[in-house]
Amino acid sequence: MASVFSASAQTYGPKDEGRRFNDGTKVVCKNVEVQRNSKDPNRIAGTATGAVVGGLLGNQVGGGSGKKIATVAGAVAGGAAGRQIQGNSQSKNGDRIVERQCYRR
């Protein structure tokens, strides 16, 4: 028995621009600037490096259980900082291109 509902989303390209549908919607396209050459889009390297450095610095603080808490806090803070720094670097150094994106409206 075939399903009545389709789970896949329809995609549209520039060739569909202006296409009208029975519900009154149509395909509209616009030029959008996008970044393309990011080798690490999830910023894993920056997060991992920041966590290691932050953990090492946090380990230098306090003693006993306070040292463990400082190490964990340093790793978390360092990971967040590393992710942010890598993201800033990628947005400055990435190749930006203009691509035509189409959607139904």
PDB file of N, CA and C in Angstrom:
ATOM      1  N   MET A   1       0.840  -1.181   0.000  1.00  0.00           N
ATOM      2  CA  MET A   1       0.000   0.000   0.000  1.00  0.00           C
ATOM      3  C   MET A   1       0.884   1.243   0.000  1.00  0.00           C
ATOM      4  N   ALA A   2       0.693   2.121  -0.924  1.00  0.00           N
ATOM      5  CA  ALA A   2       1.502   3.330  -1.050  1.00  0.00           C
ATOM      6  C   ALA A   2       1.032   4.387  -0.056  1.00  0.00           C
ATOM      7  N   SER A   3       2.010   5.148   0.451  1.00  0.00           N
ATOM      8  CA  SER A   3       1.681   6.212   1.394  1.00  0.00           C
ATOM      9  C   SER A   3       1.140   7.422   0.647  1.00  0.00           C
ATOM     10  N   VAL A   4       0.164   8.075   1.222  1.00  0.00           N
ATOM     11  CA  VAL A   4      -0.430   9.257   0.617  1.00  0.00           C
ATOM     12  C   VAL A   4       0.473  10.477   0.811  1.00  0.00           C
ATOM     13  N   PHE A   5       1.223  10.489   1.922  1.00  0.00           N
ATOM     14  CA  PHE A   5       2.063  11.627   2.256  1.00  0.00           C
ATOM     15  C   PHE A   5       3.499  11.359   1.865  1.00  0.00           C
ATOM     16  N   SER A   6       4.167  12.374   1.340  1.00  0.00           N
ATOM     17  CA  SER A   6       5.570  12.251   0.960  1.00  0.00           C
ATOM     18  C   SER A   6       6.434  12.912   2.020  1.00  0.00           C
ATOM     19  N   ALA A   7       7.495  12.228   2.435  1.00  0.00           N
ATOM     20  CA  ALA A   7       8.361  12.765   3.483  1.00  0.00           C
ATOM     21  C   ALA A   7       9.478  13.621   2.908  1.00  0.00           C
ATOM     22  N   SER A   8       9.686  13.597   1.605  1.00  0.00           N
ATOM     23  CA  SER A   8      10.794  14.346   1.032  1.00  0.00           C
ATOM     24  C   SER A   8      10.380  15.780   0.714  1.00  0.00           C
ATOM     25  N   ALA A   9      11.300  16.691   0.874  1.00  0.00           N
ATOM     26  CA  ALA A   9      11.044  18.101   0.599  1.00  0.00           C
ATOM     27  C   ALA A   9      11.392  18.388  -0.864  1.00  0.00           C
ATOM     28  N   GLN A  10      10.619  19.213  -1.490  1.00  0.00           N
ATOM     29  CA  GLN A  10      10.855  19.581  -2.880  1.00  0.00           C
ATOM     30  C   GLN A  10      11.905  20.681  -2.932  1.00  0.00           C
ATOM     31  N   THR A  11      12.860  20.554  -3.841  1.00  0.00           N
ATOM     32  CA  THR A  11      13.843  21.609  -4.044  1.00  0.00           C
ATOM     33  C   THR A  11      13.601  22.234  -5.412  1.00  0.00           C
ATOM     34  N   TYR A  12      13.920  23.501  -5.519  1.00  0.00           N
ATOM     35  CA  TYR A  12      13.700  24.244  -6.748  1.00  0.00           C
ATOM     36  C   TYR A  12      14.993  24.894  -7.194  1.00  0.00           C
ATOM     37  N   GLY A  13      15.159  25.022  -8.492  1.00  0.00           N
ATOM     38  CA  GLY A  13      16.337  25.655  -9.062  1.00  0.00           C
ATOM     39  C   GLY A  13      15.940  26.851  -9.901  1.00  0.00           C
ATOM     40  N   PRO A  14      16.944  27.556 -10.441  1.00  0.00           N
ATOM     41  CA  PRO A  14      16.664  28.747 -11.256  1.00  0.00           C
ATOM     42  C   PRO A  14      15.729  28.460 -12.436  1.00  0.00           C
ATOM     43  N   LYS A  15      15.758  27.240 -12.969  1.00  0.00           N
ATOM     44  CA  LYS A  15      14.868  26.911 -14.096  1.00  0.00           C
ATOM     45  C   LYS A  15      13.391  26.908 -13.688  1.00  0.00           C
ATOM     46  N   ASP A  16      13.126  26.788 -12.374  1.00  0.00           N
ATOM     47  CA  ASP A  16      11.749  26.786 -11.873  1.00  0.00           C
ATOM     48  C   ASP A  16      11.234  28.183 -11.535  1.00  0.00           C
ATOM     49  N   GLU A  17      12.095  29.193 -11.646  1.00  0.00           N
ATOM     50  CA  GLU A  17      11.702  30.549 -11.237  1.00  0.00           C
ATOM     51  C   GLU A  17      10.444  31.006 -11.974  1.00  0.00           C
ATOM     52  N   GLY A  18       9.483  31.524 -11.216  1.00  0.00           N
ATOM     53  CA  GLY A  18       8.232  32.005 -11.776  1.00  0.00           C
ATOM     54  C   GLY A  18       7.155  30.933 -11.882  1.00  0.00           C
ATOM     55  N   ARG A  19       7.510  29.676 -11.649  1.00  0.00           N
ATOM     56  CA  ARG A  19       6.531  28.578 -11.717  1.00  0.00           C
ATOM     57  C   ARG A  19       5.429  28.821 -10.690  1.00  0.00           C
ATOM     58  N   ARG A  20       4.179  28.702 -11.110  1.00  0.00           N
ATOM     59  CA  ARG A  20       3.039  28.943 -10.227  1.00  0.00           C
ATOM     60  C   ARG A  20       2.359  27.624  -9.887  1.00  0.00           C
ATOM     61  N   PHE A  21       1.763  27.587  -8.689  1.00  0.00           N
ATOM     62  CA  PHE A  21       1.075  26.403  -8.205  1.00  0.00           C
ATOM     63  C   PHE A  21      -0.395  26.723  -7.972  1.00  0.00           C
ATOM     64  N   ASN A  22      -1.202  25.686  -7.878  1.00  0.00           N
ATOM     65  CA  ASN A  22      -2.649  25.851  -7.710  1.00  0.00           C
ATOM     66  C   ASN A  22      -3.035  26.583  -6.434  1.00  0.00           C
ATOM     67  N   ASP A  23      -2.175  26.519  -5.414  1.00  0.00           N
ATOM     68  CA  ASP A  23      -2.508  27.187  -4.148  1.00  0.00           C
ATOM     69  C   ASP A  23      -2.132  28.668  -4.144  1.00  0.00           C
ATOM     70  N   GLY A  24      -1.682  29.189  -5.293  1.00  0.00           N
ATOM     71  CA  GLY A  24      -1.348  30.611  -5.406  1.00  0.00           C
ATOM     72  C   GLY A  24       0.111  30.932  -5.132  1.00  0.00           C
ATOM     73  N   THR A  25       0.895  29.951  -4.720  1.00  0.00           N
ATOM     74  CA  THR A  25       2.311  30.196  -4.471  1.00  0.00           C
ATOM     75  C   THR A  25       3.091  30.097  -5.770  1.00  0.00           C
ATOM     76  N   LYS A  26       4.316  30.609  -5.732  1.00  0.00           N
ATOM     77  CA  LYS A  26       5.190  30.501  -6.902  1.00  0.00           C
ATOM     78  C   LYS A  26       6.632  30.363  -6.439  1.00  0.00           C
ATOM     79  N   VAL A  27       7.498  29.964  -7.350  1.00  0.00           N
ATOM     80  CA  VAL A  27       8.918  29.813  -7.052  1.00  0.00           C
ATOM     81  C   VAL A  27       9.607  31.159  -7.260  1.00  0.00           C
ATOM     82  N   VAL A  28      10.317  31.605  -6.227  1.00  0.00           N
ATOM     83  CA  VAL A  28      11.035  32.875  -6.254  1.00  0.00           C
ATOM     84  C   VAL A  28      12.519  32.570  -6.044  1.00  0.00           C
ATOM     85  N   CYS A  29      13.393  33.229  -6.802  1.00  0.00           N
ATOM     86  CA  CYS A  29      14.837  33.016  -6.671  1.00  0.00           C
ATOM     87  C   CYS A  29      15.518  34.338  -6.321  1.00  0.00           C
ATOM     88  N   LYS A  30      16.616  34.228  -5.582  1.00  0.00           N
ATOM     89  CA  LYS A  30      17.407  35.420  -5.269  1.00  0.00           C
ATOM     90  C   LYS A  30      18.872  35.030  -5.145  1.00  0.00           C
ATOM     91  N   ASN A  31      19.753  36.000  -5.341  1.00  0.00           N
ATOM     92  CA  ASN A  31      21.186  35.773  -5.184  1.00  0.00           C
ATOM     93  C   ASN A  31      21.552  35.906  -3.712  1.00  0.00           C
ATOM     94  N   VAL A  32      22.308  34.927  -3.200  1.00  0.00           N
ATOM     95  CA  VAL A  32      22.694  34.900  -1.797  1.00  0.00           C
ATOM     96  C   VAL A  32      24.198  34.673  -1.713  1.00  0.00           C
ATOM     97  N   GLU A  33      24.878  35.454  -0.861  1.00  0.00           N
ATOM     98  CA  GLU A  33      26.313  35.266  -0.650  1.00  0.00           C
ATOM     99  C   GLU A  33      26.516  34.157   0.382  1.00  0.00           C
ATOM    100  N   VAL A  34      27.313  33.151   0.031  1.00  0.00           N
ATOM    101  CA  VAL A  34      27.577  32.029   0.934  1.00  0.00           C
ATOM    102  C   VAL A  34      29.079  31.800   1.022  1.00  0.00           C
ATOM    103  N   GLN A  35      29.502  31.208   2.133  1.00  0.00           N
ATOM    104  CA  GLN A  35      30.913  30.875   2.338  1.00  0.00           C
ATOM    105  C   GLN A  35      31.102  29.423   1.947  1.00  0.00           C
ATOM    106  N   ARG A  36      32.163  29.121   1.228  1.00  0.00           N
ATOM    107  CA  ARG A  36      32.309  27.790   0.691  1.00  0.00           C
ATOM    108  C   ARG A  36      33.488  26.961   1.181  1.00  0.00           C
ATOM    109  N   ASN A  37      34.625  27.439   1.480  1.00  0.00           N
ATOM    110  CA  ASN A  37      35.780  26.564   1.626  1.00  0.00           C
ATOM    111  C   ASN A  37      36.147  26.165   3.051  1.00  0.00           C
ATOM    112  N   SER A  38      35.250  26.167   3.951  1.00  0.00           N
ATOM    113  CA  SER A  38      35.552  25.819   5.331  1.00  0.00           C
ATOM    114  C   SER A  38      35.882  24.329   5.437  1.00  0.00           C
ATOM    115  N   LYS A  39      37.101  24.023   5.880  1.00  0.00           N
ATOM    116  CA  LYS A  39      37.529  22.629   6.028  1.00  0.00           C
ATOM    117  C   LYS A  39      36.972  21.999   7.293  1.00  0.00           C
ATOM    118  N   ASP A  40      36.604  22.807   8.265  1.00  0.00           N
ATOM    119  CA  ASP A  40      36.110  22.298   9.549  1.00  0.00           C
ATOM    120  C   ASP A  40      34.865  23.107   9.942  1.00  0.00           C
ATOM    121  N   PRO A  41      33.731  22.881   9.257  1.00  0.00           N
ATOM    122  CA  PRO A  41      32.552  23.711   9.513  1.00  0.00           C
ATOM    123  C   PRO A  41      32.006  23.584  10.930  1.00  0.00           C
ATOM    124  N   ASN A  42      32.253  22.472  11.606  1.00  0.00           N
ATOM    125  CA  ASN A  42      31.767  22.296  12.975  1.00  0.00           C
ATOM    126  C   ASN A  42      32.756  22.818  14.016  1.00  0.00           C
ATOM    127  N   ARG A  43      33.881  23.341  13.571  1.00  0.00           N
ATOM    128  CA  ARG A  43      34.904  23.951  14.429  1.00  0.00           C
ATOM    129  C   ARG A  43      35.410  22.994  15.505  1.00  0.00           C
ATOM    130  N   ILE A  44      35.597  21.743  15.134  1.00  0.00           N
ATOM    131  CA  ILE A  44      36.054  20.727  16.079  1.00  0.00           C
ATOM    132  C   ILE A  44      37.485  20.994  16.531  1.00  0.00           C
ATOM    133  N   ALA A  45      38.358  21.372  15.605  1.00  0.00           N
ATOM    134  CA  ALA A  45      39.764  21.605  15.958  1.00  0.00           C
ATOM    135  C   ALA A  45      39.903  22.739  16.973  1.00  0.00           C
ATOM    136  N   GLY A  46      39.205  23.837  16.755  1.00  0.00           N
ATOM    137  CA  GLY A  46      39.273  24.970  17.681  1.00  0.00           C
ATOM    138  C   GLY A  46      38.719  24.625  19.050  1.00  0.00           C
ATOM    139  N   THR A  47      37.617  23.877  19.060  1.00  0.00           N
ATOM    140  CA  THR A  47      37.005  23.477  20.327  1.00  0.00           C
ATOM    141  C   THR A  47      37.927  22.559  21.113  1.00  0.00           C
ATOM    142  N   ALA A  48      38.490  21.559  20.429  1.00  0.00           N
ATOM    143  CA  ALA A  48      39.377  20.591  21.100  1.00  0.00           C
ATOM    144  C   ALA A  48      40.647  21.266  21.608  1.00  0.00           C
ATOM    145  N   THR A  49      41.251  22.101  20.788  1.00  0.00           N
ATOM    146  CA  THR A  49      42.478  22.793  21.203  1.00  0.00           C
ATOM    147  C   THR A  49      42.194  23.710  22.393  1.00  0.00           C
ATOM    148  N   GLY A  50      41.120  24.460  22.318  1.00  0.00           N
ATOM    149  CA  GLY A  50      40.752  25.353  23.423  1.00  0.00           C
ATOM    150  C   GLY A  50      40.472  24.592  24.705  1.00  0.00           C
ATOM    151  N   ALA A  51      39.828  23.431  24.597  1.00  0.00           N
ATOM    152  CA  ALA A  51      39.526  22.624  25.779  1.00  0.00           C
ATOM    153  C   ALA A  51      40.799  22.101  26.430  1.00  0.00           C
ATOM    154  N   VAL A  52      41.737  21.653  25.621  1.00  0.00           N
ATOM    155  CA  VAL A  52      43.010  21.150  26.169  1.00  0.00           C
ATOM    156  C   VAL A  52      43.771  22.269  26.863  1.00  0.00           C
ATOM    157  N   VAL A  53      43.915  23.400  26.183  1.00  0.00           N
ATOM    158  CA  VAL A  53      44.640  24.528  26.777  1.00  0.00           C
ATOM    159  C   VAL A  53      43.932  25.022  28.034  1.00  0.00           C
ATOM    160  N   GLY A  54      42.610  25.156  27.976  1.00  0.00           N
ATOM    161  CA  GLY A  54      41.851  25.608  29.145  1.00  0.00           C
ATOM    162  C   GLY A  54      41.962  24.635  30.306  1.00  0.00           C
ATOM    163  N   GLY A  55      41.925  23.333  30.015  1.00  0.00           N
ATOM    164  CA  GLY A  55      42.076  22.322  31.059  1.00  0.00           C
ATOM    165  C   GLY A  55      43.441  22.376  31.706  1.00  0.00           C
ATOM    166  N   LEU A  56      44.474  22.564  30.890  1.00  0.00           N
ATOM    167  CA  LEU A  56      45.835  22.671  31.437  1.00  0.00           C
ATOM    168  C   LEU A  56      45.988  23.905  32.320  1.00  0.00           C
ATOM    169  N   LEU A  57      45.423  25.019  31.871  1.00  0.00           N
ATOM    170  CA  LEU A  57      45.501  26.239  32.686  1.00  0.00           C
ATOM    171  C   LEU A  57      44.673  26.096  33.969  1.00  0.00           C
ATOM    172  N   GLY A  58      43.493  25.502  33.868  1.00  0.00           N
ATOM    173  CA  GLY A  58      42.652  25.297  35.040  1.00  0.00           C
ATOM    174  C   GLY A  58      43.288  24.366  36.053  1.00  0.00           C
ATOM    175  N   ASN A  59      44.080  23.423  35.569  1.00  0.00           N
ATOM    176  CA  ASN A  59      44.758  22.465  36.438  1.00  0.00           C
ATOM    177  C   ASN A  59      45.837  23.129  37.298  1.00  0.00           C
ATOM    178  N   GLN A  60      46.262  24.301  36.906  1.00  0.00           N
ATOM    179  CA  GLN A  60      47.293  25.028  37.652  1.00  0.00           C
ATOM    180  C   GLN A  60      46.715  25.777  38.855  1.00  0.00           C
ATOM    181  N   VAL A  61      45.395  25.802  38.954  1.00  0.00           N
ATOM    182  CA  VAL A  61      44.719  26.581  39.991  1.00  0.00           C
ATOM    183  C   VAL A  61      44.221  25.652  41.104  1.00  0.00           C
ATOM    184  N   GLY A  62      44.348  26.089  42.335  1.00  0.00           N
ATOM    185  CA  GLY A  62      43.750  25.386  43.474  1.00  0.00           C
ATOM    186  C   GLY A  62      44.437  24.083  43.830  1.00  0.00           C
ATOM    187  N   GLY A  63      43.788  23.334  44.722  1.00  0.00           N
ATOM    188  CA  GLY A  63      44.307  22.049  45.170  1.00  0.00           C
ATOM    189  C   GLY A  63      43.150  21.153  45.554  1.00  0.00           C
ATOM    190  N   GLY A  64      43.354  19.846  45.586  1.00  0.00           N
ATOM    191  CA  GLY A  64      42.325  18.881  45.968  1.00  0.00           C
ATOM    192  C   GLY A  64      41.173  18.875  44.985  1.00  0.00           C
ATOM    193  N   SER A  65      39.949  18.856  45.518  1.00  0.00           N
ATOM    194  CA  SER A  65      38.769  18.828  44.642  1.00  0.00           C
ATOM    195  C   SER A  65      38.584  20.160  43.909  1.00  0.00           C
ATOM    196  N   GLY A  66      39.097  21.242  44.468  1.00  0.00           N
ATOM    197  CA  GLY A  66      39.050  22.542  43.796  1.00  0.00           C
ATOM    198  C   GLY A  66      39.852  22.524  42.512  1.00  0.00           C
ATOM    199  N   LYS A  67      40.929  21.759  42.512  1.00  0.00           N
ATOM    200  CA  LYS A  67      41.769  21.648  41.319  1.00  0.00           C
ATOM    201  C   LYS A  67      41.000  20.923  40.205  1.00  0.00           C
ATOM    202  N   LYS A  68      40.257  19.889  40.587  1.00  0.00           N
ATOM    203  CA  LYS A  68      39.464  19.149  39.591  1.00  0.00           C
ATOM    204  C   LYS A  68      38.377  20.035  38.993  1.00  0.00           C
ATOM    205  N   ILE A  69      37.711  20.797  39.848  1.00  0.00           N
ATOM    206  CA  ILE A  69      36.657  21.702  39.377  1.00  0.00           C
ATOM    207  C   ILE A  69      37.245  22.769  38.459  1.00  0.00           C
ATOM    208  N   ALA A  70      38.394  23.317  38.834  1.00  0.00           N
ATOM    209  CA  ALA A  70      39.052  24.339  38.017  1.00  0.00           C
ATOM    210  C   ALA A  70      39.489  23.762  36.669  1.00  0.00           C
ATOM    211  N   THR A  71      39.936  22.506  36.653  1.00  0.00           N
ATOM    212  CA  THR A  71      40.351  21.866  35.402  1.00  0.00           C
ATOM    213  C   THR A  71      39.157  21.708  34.462  1.00  0.00           C
ATOM    214  N   VAL A  72      38.049  21.216  35.000  1.00  0.00           N
ATOM    215  CA  VAL A  72      36.842  21.039  34.184  1.00  0.00           C
ATOM    216  C   VAL A  72      36.327  22.392  33.697  1.00  0.00           C
ATOM    217  N   ALA A  73      36.260  23.365  34.586  1.00  0.00           N
ATOM    218  CA  ALA A  73      35.787  24.700  34.198  1.00  0.00           C
ATOM    219  C   ALA A  73      36.698  25.307  33.133  1.00  0.00           C
ATOM    220  N   GLY A  74      37.995  25.118  33.288  1.00  0.00           N
ATOM    221  CA  GLY A  74      38.952  25.630  32.301  1.00  0.00           C
ATOM    222  C   GLY A  74      38.764  24.962  30.947  1.00  0.00           C
ATOM    223  N   ALA A  75      38.508  23.652  30.956  1.00  0.00           N
ATOM    224  CA  ALA A  75      38.301  22.937  29.702  1.00  0.00           C
ATOM    225  C   ALA A  75      37.029  23.415  28.999  1.00  0.00           C
ATOM    226  N   VAL A  76      35.968  23.605  29.759  1.00  0.00           N
ATOM    227  CA  VAL A  76      34.707  24.074  29.173  1.00  0.00           C
ATOM    228  C   VAL A  76      34.870  25.486  28.603  1.00  0.00           C
ATOM    229  N   ALA A  77      35.441  26.372  29.399  1.00  0.00           N
ATOM    230  CA  ALA A  77      35.633  27.753  28.945  1.00  0.00           C
ATOM    231  C   ALA A  77      36.594  27.813  27.760  1.00  0.00           C
ATOM    232  N   GLY A  78      37.664  27.027  27.828  1.00  0.00           N
ATOM    233  CA  GLY A  78      38.632  27.002  26.723  1.00  0.00           C
ATOM    234  C   GLY A  78      38.023  26.458  25.448  1.00  0.00           C
ATOM    235  N   GLY A  79      37.191  25.429  25.573  1.00  0.00           N
ATOM    236  CA  GLY A  79      36.522  24.878  24.394  1.00  0.00           C
ATOM    237  C   GLY A  79      35.606  25.894  23.738  1.00  0.00           C
ATOM    238  N   ALA A  80      34.849  26.629  24.547  1.00  0.00           N
ATOM    239  CA  ALA A  80      33.954  27.655  24.014  1.00  0.00           C
ATOM    240  C   ALA A  80      34.749  28.777  23.339  1.00  0.00           C
ATOM    241  N   ALA A  81      35.831  29.183  23.977  1.00  0.00           N
ATOM    242  CA  ALA A  81      36.663  30.249  23.404  1.00  0.00           C
ATOM    243  C   ALA A  81      37.317  29.782  22.105  1.00  0.00           C
ATOM    244  N   GLY A  82      37.827  28.561  22.093  1.00  0.00           N
ATOM    245  CA  GLY A  82      38.468  28.022  20.892  1.00  0.00           C
ATOM    246  C   GLY A  82      37.500  27.926  19.727  1.00  0.00           C
ATOM    247  N   ARG A  83      36.279  27.508  20.010  1.00  0.00           N
ATOM    248  CA  ARG A  83      35.251  27.419  18.967  1.00  0.00           C
ATOM    249  C   ARG A  83      34.943  28.793  18.388  1.00  0.00           C
ATOM    250  N   GLN A  84      34.819  29.781  19.265  1.00  0.00           N
ATOM    251  CA  GLN A  84      34.526  31.148  18.823  1.00  0.00           C
ATOM    252  C   GLN A  84      35.674  31.721  17.995  1.00  0.00           C
ATOM    253  N   ILE A  85      36.890  31.511  18.453  1.00  0.00           N
ATOM    254  CA  ILE A  85      38.066  32.030  17.738  1.00  0.00           C
ATOM    255  C   ILE A  85      38.167  31.403  16.356  1.00  0.00           C
ATOM    256  N   GLN A  86      37.971  30.088  16.271  1.00  0.00           N
ATOM    257  CA  GLN A  86      38.041  29.432  14.968  1.00  0.00           C
ATOM    258  C   GLN A  86      36.924  29.934  14.057  1.00  0.00           C
ATOM    259  N   GLY A  87      35.734  30.128  14.590  1.00  0.00           N
ATOM    260  CA  GLY A  87      34.627  30.637  13.794  1.00  0.00           C
ATOM    261  C   GLY A  87      34.915  32.020  13.232  1.00  0.00           C
ATOM    262  N   ASN A  88      35.496  32.887  14.052  1.00  0.00           N
ATOM    263  CA  ASN A  88      35.853  34.235  13.591  1.00  0.00           C
ATOM    264  C   ASN A  88      36.892  34.165  12.485  1.00  0.00           C
ATOM    265  N   SER A  89      37.877  33.292  12.657  1.00  0.00           N
ATOM    266  CA  SER A  89      38.934  33.137  11.660  1.00  0.00           C
ATOM    267  C   SER A  89      38.367  32.612  10.345  1.00  0.00           C
ATOM    268  N   GLN A  90      37.479  31.626  10.422  1.00  0.00           N
ATOM    269  CA  GLN A  90      36.896  31.065   9.207  1.00  0.00           C
ATOM    270  C   GLN A  90      36.045  32.083   8.469  1.00  0.00           C
ATOM    271  N   SER A  91      35.303  32.899   9.198  1.00  0.00           N
ATOM    272  CA  SER A  91      34.449  33.877   8.516  1.00  0.00           C
ATOM    273  C   SER A  91      35.279  34.960   7.837  1.00  0.00           C
ATOM    274  N   LYS A  92      36.462  35.272   8.369  1.00  0.00           N
ATOM    275  CA  LYS A  92      37.331  36.268   7.743  1.00  0.00           C
ATOM    276  C   LYS A  92      38.071  35.697   6.540  1.00  0.00           C
ATOM    277  N   ASN A  93      38.482  34.427   6.620  1.00  0.00           N
ATOM    278  CA  ASN A  93      39.361  33.842   5.607  1.00  0.00           C
ATOM    279  C   ASN A  93      38.651  32.972   4.580  1.00  0.00           C
ATOM    280  N   GLY A  94      37.369  32.752   4.722  1.00  0.00           N
ATOM    281  CA  GLY A  94      36.649  31.866   3.811  1.00  0.00           C
ATOM    282  C   GLY A  94      36.353  32.515   2.479  1.00  0.00           C
ATOM    283  N   ASP A  95      36.234  31.674   1.454  1.00  0.00           N
ATOM    284  CA  ASP A  95      35.832  32.156   0.133  1.00  0.00           C
ATOM    285  C   ASP A  95      34.334  32.392   0.132  1.00  0.00           C
ATOM    286  N   ARG A  96      33.947  33.539  -0.336  1.00  0.00           N
ATOM    287  CA  ARG A  96      32.525  33.843  -0.425  1.00  0.00           C
ATOM    288  C   ARG A  96      32.145  33.859  -1.904  1.00  0.00           C
ATOM    289  N   ILE A  97      31.044  33.194  -2.201  1.00  0.00           N
ATOM    290  CA  ILE A  97      30.544  33.179  -3.568  1.00  0.00           C
ATOM    291  C   ILE A  97      29.071  33.558  -3.542  1.00  0.00           C
ATOM    292  N   VAL A  98      28.572  33.967  -4.689  1.00  0.00           N
ATOM    293  CA  VAL A  98      27.153  34.281  -4.805  1.00  0.00           C
ATOM    294  C   VAL A  98      26.497  33.108  -5.523  1.00  0.00           C
ATOM    295  N   GLU A  99      25.463  32.572  -4.910  1.00  0.00           N
ATOM    296  CA  GLU A  99      24.733  31.477  -5.550  1.00  0.00           C
ATOM    297  C   GLU A  99      23.255  31.831  -5.608  1.00  0.00           C
ATOM    298  N   ARG A 100      22.587  31.280  -6.569  1.00  0.00           N
ATOM    299  CA  ARG A 100      21.152  31.546  -6.763  1.00  0.00           C
ATOM    300  C   ARG A 100      20.363  30.497  -5.992  1.00  0.00           C
ATOM    301  N   GLN A 101      19.545  30.929  -5.023  1.00  0.00           N
ATOM    302  CA  GLN A 101      18.726  30.025  -4.224  1.00  0.00           C
ATOM    303  C   GLN A 101      17.261  30.294  -4.529  1.00  0.00           C
ATOM    304  N   CYS A 102      16.514  29.206  -4.692  1.00  0.00           N
ATOM    305  CA  CYS A 102      15.103  29.322  -5.050  1.00  0.00           C
ATOM    306  C   CYS A 102      14.240  28.623  -4.013  1.00  0.00           C
ATOM    307  N   TYR A 103      13.078  29.185  -3.756  1.00  0.00           N
ATOM    308  CA  TYR A 103      12.147  28.616  -2.786  1.00  0.00           C
ATOM    309  C   TYR A 103      10.725  28.961  -3.205  1.00  0.00           C
ATOM    310  N   ARG A 104       9.791  28.214  -2.644  1.00  0.00           N
ATOM    311  CA  ARG A 104       8.379  28.410  -2.965  1.00  0.00           C
ATOM    312  C   ARG A 104       7.776  29.394  -1.976  1.00  0.00           C
ATOM    313  N   ARG A 105       7.090  30.391  -2.513  1.00  0.00           N
ATOM    314  CA  ARG A 105       6.510  31.416  -1.643  1.00  0.00           C
ATOM    315  C   ARG A 105       5.139  31.782  -2.132  1.00  0.00           C
TER     316      ARG A 105
END
